[in-house]
């Protein structure tokens, strides 16, 4: 279901779906690892920061990755930065030092 959604939304946005190494049997399938990376990031932001942080985090990570040239490597690097910040945010919030 999510693969279909990614493919159709990508077509509607006139972009190439995110992909890893080409699979000759499914050349336009989005890379499941990249999709899972974004879904895991959304989960981490929702739990560590606040539920509304999930879509904002994924948007900002995608935006940052695009500004860094796009592609799987940029996306993974930006996701790692966001994931680390979310973990720190959760720790700071527990100590009462994070502003809302």
Foldseek 3Di string as FASTA:
>chain_A
DVQVVQLVVCVVVVHQRADDPADVVCRRGHHPVLVVLLVVLLVLLCVQPNNVVSVVLSVVLQVQLVVVPHHDVSSVVSSVVSNVVSVVSSVCVVVVNDDD
